[in-house]
Amino acid sequence: MTGEDPRGGRPQRADARRNYQHLLDQAKIAFAEFGADASLDEISRRAGVASGTLYRHFPTRMDLIEAVLADRIGELVNDGRGLLHAEDAVDALFTWLTAAVEHGVTYRGLSAAVMNSALDRGSAVISKWHKDMFDVGAQLLARAQASGAIVADVEAADVLKMVSAIAWAAQGDSAQASRLLTLSMNGLRARPGG
């Protein structure tokens, strides 16, 4: 973090940045455990700050949820960009899709809450997240297709919809999500002479 207020305000003091990060880290854990209705007081307690500190950084529950998702999606996008340089393009694609499915399984309720809120407010945050995820996913898929190991006629939108469907169908069961993704990836592999 550069020291600037994540909401675009004036620069933050070091202790404010630290508190912000502690809150964000604890919110990720609490939302993964309890969903969008996780106790904000418990998040504050776990972060070692007063409730007032949480509300200074995140005036509403939705602000905190959006910050958690923005942080996690940013990590996924950055991880995907790093995988663009991996030697094995198919393994890189599978690694990133696995992380994306796990994110979807873990934060499914948060994503639904943010999407509903964003639609109500006309927010552009969802389209930015989709664009960032689509861009990196498309690049990873193109590399895997160029290697000849993945069928050429699949599109990035298909693969990302598949990831979303797997996360939804798994209903919070990471093992099932992993099995479904493996089956799907096997279906994407090019067959000799095919």
Protein backbone atom coordinates (compact mmCIF):
# COMPACT_ATOMS: atom_id res chain seq x y z
CA MET A 1 0.00 0.00 0.00
CA THR A 2 1.38 3.39 -0.97
CA GLY A 3 0.07 5.35 1.98
CA GLU A 4 -2.83 6.93 0.13
CA ASP A 5 -6.36 6.46 1.33
CA PRO A 6 -7.82 3.52 -0.67
CA ARG A 7 -11.00 5.53 -1.22
CA GLY A 8 -9.05 8.27 -2.96
CA GLY A 9 -8.69 10.76 -0.10
CA ARG A 10 -5.62 12.24 1.50
CA PRO A 11 -2.59 10.12 2.44
CA GLN A 12 -3.04 7.91 5.52
CA ARG A 13 -0.79 7.76 8.55
CA ALA A 14 1.19 4.54 9.04
CA ASP A 15 -1.05 3.38 11.91
CA ALA A 16 -4.18 4.04 9.83
CA ARG A 17 -2.75 1.99 6.94
CA ARG A 18 -1.88 -0.79 9.37
CA ASN A 19 -5.38 -0.74 10.88
CA TYR A 20 -6.94 -0.76 7.41
CA GLN A 21 -4.89 -3.82 6.43
CA HIS A 22 -5.66 -5.65 9.71
CA LEU A 23 -9.37 -5.00 9.18
CA LEU A 24 -9.21 -6.18 5.59
CA ASP A 25 -7.31 -9.35 6.54
CA GLN A 26 -9.72 -10.21 9.34
CA ALA A 27 -12.75 -9.40 7.17
CA LYS A 28 -11.50 -11.87 4.52
CA ILE A 29 -11.34 -14.60 7.16
CA ALA A 30 -14.68 -13.74 8.75
CA PHE A 31 -16.54 -13.42 5.44
CA ALA A 32 -15.07 -16.75 4.26
CA GLU A 33 -16.25 -18.38 7.51
CA PHE A 34 -19.63 -16.72 8.02
CA GLY A 35 -20.58 -15.10 4.71
CA ALA A 36 -21.77 -11.56 4.07
CA ASP A 37 -23.50 -11.37 7.46
CA ALA A 38 -20.31 -11.85 9.49
CA SER A 39 -20.24 -9.72 12.64
CA LEU A 40 -18.50 -6.39 12.07
CA ASP A 41 -17.83 -6.11 15.81
CA GLU A 42 -16.07 -9.49 15.69
CA ILE A 43 -13.99 -8.33 12.70
CA SER A 44 -12.97 -5.23 14.67
CA ARG A 45 -12.11 -7.32 17.73
CA ARG A 46 -10.02 -9.78 15.69
CA ALA A 47 -8.21 -6.87 14.01
CA GLY A 48 -7.44 -5.37 17.43
CA VAL A 49 -9.20 -2.08 16.75
CA ALA A 50 -12.31 -0.33 18.02
CA SER A 51 -15.55 -0.51 16.04
CA GLY A 52 -15.26 3.22 15.35
CA THR A 53 -11.99 2.55 13.51
CA LEU A 54 -13.73 0.01 11.29
CA TYR A 55 -16.47 2.51 10.45
CA ARG A 56 -13.95 5.27 9.72
CA HIS A 57 -12.35 3.04 7.09
CA PHE A 58 -15.55 1.32 5.94
CA PRO A 59 -18.67 3.41 6.63
CA THR A 60 -20.99 0.59 5.57
CA ARG A 61 -20.91 -3.21 5.48
CA MET A 62 -20.99 -2.97 1.68
CA ASP A 63 -17.85 -0.79 1.68
CA LEU A 64 -16.02 -3.51 3.61
CA ILE A 65 -17.35 -6.29 1.37
CA GLU A 66 -16.33 -4.39 -1.76
CA ALA A 67 -12.85 -3.76 -0.32
CA VAL A 68 -12.41 -7.47 0.46
CA LEU A 69 -13.51 -8.50 -3.01
CA ALA A 70 -11.46 -5.79 -4.73
CA ASP A 71 -8.38 -6.91 -2.82
CA ARG A 72 -8.94 -10.59 -3.58
CA ILE A 73 -9.75 -9.99 -7.25
CA GLY A 74 -6.66 -7.80 -7.52
CA GLU A 75 -4.61 -10.72 -6.15
CA LEU A 76 -6.17 -13.12 -8.68
CA VAL A 77 -5.46 -10.75 -11.56
CA ASN A 78 -1.86 -10.20 -10.42
CA ASP A 79 -1.34 -13.94 -9.95
CA GLY A 80 -2.68 -14.49 -13.48
CA ARG A 81 -0.32 -11.90 -14.91
CA GLY A 82 2.57 -13.62 -13.17
CA LEU A 83 1.51 -16.96 -14.65
CA LEU A 84 1.70 -15.49 -18.16
CA HIS A 85 5.46 -16.11 -17.91
CA ALA A 86 5.21 -19.71 -16.69
CA GLU A 87 6.92 -22.32 -18.84
CA ASP A 88 3.92 -24.68 -18.97
CA ALA A 89 1.01 -22.67 -20.38
CA VAL A 90 -1.60 -25.36 -19.65
CA ASP A 91 -0.46 -25.73 -16.04
CA ALA A 92 -0.53 -21.93 -15.70
CA LEU A 93 -4.11 -21.81 -16.98
CA PHE A 94 -5.20 -24.64 -14.69
CA THR A 95 -3.47 -23.05 -11.68
CA TRP A 96 -5.23 -19.73 -12.27
CA LEU A 97 -8.62 -21.32 -12.92
CA THR A 98 -8.25 -23.32 -9.71
CA ALA A 99 -7.61 -20.10 -7.77
CA ALA A 100 -10.58 -18.42 -9.48
CA VAL A 101 -12.89 -21.33 -8.62
CA GLU A 102 -11.68 -21.35 -5.02
CA HIS A 103 -12.35 -17.61 -4.81
CA GLY A 104 -15.84 -18.16 -6.19
CA VAL A 105 -16.55 -20.97 -3.72
CA THR A 106 -15.19 -19.01 -0.75
CA TYR A 107 -16.75 -15.61 -1.48
CA ARG A 108 -19.91 -16.63 -3.34
CA GLY A 109 -22.27 -14.80 -0.96
CA LEU A 110 -20.14 -11.66 -1.00
CA SER A 111 -20.11 -11.52 -4.78
CA ALA A 112 -23.90 -11.80 -4.92
CA ALA A 113 -24.29 -9.03 -2.31
CA VAL A 114 -21.92 -6.71 -4.18
CA MET A 115 -23.53 -7.40 -7.55
CA ASN A 116 -26.99 -6.60 -6.21
CA SER A 117 -25.75 -3.43 -4.51
CA ALA A 118 -23.70 -2.34 -7.53
CA LEU A 119 -26.68 -2.78 -9.83
CA ASP A 120 -28.86 -0.74 -7.46
CA ARG A 121 -26.28 2.07 -7.35
CA GLY A 122 -25.22 1.90 -10.98
CA SER A 123 -21.64 1.20 -9.85
CA ALA A 124 -18.96 0.44 -12.43
CA VAL A 125 -16.96 -1.68 -9.97
CA ILE A 126 -18.38 -4.99 -11.23
CA SER A 127 -17.58 -4.27 -14.87
CA LYS A 128 -14.00 -3.33 -13.96
CA TRP A 129 -13.54 -6.58 -12.04
CA HIS A 130 -15.03 -8.58 -14.91
CA LYS A 131 -12.80 -6.82 -17.43
CA ASP A 132 -9.64 -7.41 -15.40
CA MET A 133 -10.49 -11.09 -14.83
CA PHE A 134 -11.52 -11.58 -18.46
CA ASP A 135 -8.33 -9.95 -19.79
CA VAL A 136 -5.96 -12.12 -17.78
CA GLY A 137 -8.06 -15.27 -18.31
CA ALA A 138 -8.14 -14.68 -22.06
CA GLN A 139 -4.37 -14.24 -22.19
CA LEU A 140 -3.77 -17.43 -20.19
CA LEU A 141 -6.19 -19.35 -22.40
CA ALA A 142 -4.60 -18.01 -25.60
CA ARG A 143 -1.15 -19.17 -24.43
CA ALA A 144 -2.50 -22.63 -23.60
CA GLN A 145 -4.24 -22.81 -26.99
CA ALA A 146 -1.07 -21.69 -28.78
CA SER A 147 0.75 -24.64 -27.19
CA GLY A 148 -1.67 -26.96 -29.00
CA ALA A 149 -2.73 -28.66 -25.76
CA ILE A 150 -6.12 -26.90 -25.47
CA VAL A 151 -8.80 -26.98 -28.17
CA ALA A 152 -8.77 -23.92 -30.38
CA ASP A 153 -12.52 -23.40 -30.62
CA VAL A 154 -13.16 -22.53 -26.95
CA GLU A 155 -13.48 -18.84 -26.02
CA ALA A 156 -12.37 -17.10 -22.86
CA ALA A 157 -15.96 -16.15 -22.02
CA ASP A 158 -16.90 -19.84 -22.13
CA VAL A 159 -14.11 -20.77 -19.73
CA LEU A 160 -14.89 -17.98 -17.27
CA LYS A 161 -18.60 -18.84 -17.30
CA MET A 162 -17.61 -22.45 -16.64
CA VAL A 163 -15.58 -21.32 -13.61
CA SER A 164 -18.52 -19.33 -12.26
CA ALA A 165 -20.89 -22.26 -12.83
CA ILE A 166 -18.53 -24.64 -11.02
CA ALA A 167 -18.25 -22.30 -8.03
CA TRP A 168 -22.03 -21.96 -7.92
CA ALA A 169 -22.72 -25.69 -8.34
CA ALA A 170 -20.19 -26.73 -5.69
CA GLN A 171 -22.22 -24.92 -2.98
CA GLY A 172 -19.15 -24.16 -0.87
CA ASP A 173 -17.61 -27.64 -1.29
CA SER A 174 -14.00 -27.06 -2.40
CA ALA A 175 -13.35 -30.75 -3.08
CA GLN A 176 -16.34 -30.98 -5.40
CA ALA A 177 -15.31 -27.74 -7.11
CA SER A 178 -11.85 -29.19 -7.71
CA ARG A 179 -13.29 -32.39 -9.22
CA LEU A 180 -15.63 -30.42 -11.49
CA LEU A 181 -12.80 -28.17 -12.66
CA THR A 182 -10.57 -31.17 -13.40
CA LEU A 183 -13.36 -32.76 -15.47
CA SER A 184 -13.87 -29.48 -17.32
CA MET A 185 -10.16 -29.02 -17.99
CA ASN A 186 -9.96 -32.58 -19.32
CA GLY A 187 -12.74 -31.65 -21.74
CA LEU A 188 -10.73 -28.66 -22.97
CA ARG A 189 -7.64 -30.69 -23.81
CA ALA A 190 -6.93 -31.21 -27.48
CA ARG A 191 -7.04 -34.84 -28.61
CA PRO A 192 -4.38 -36.23 -30.95
CA GLY A 193 -5.71 -36.16 -34.49
CA GLY A 194 -8.83 -34.24 -33.31
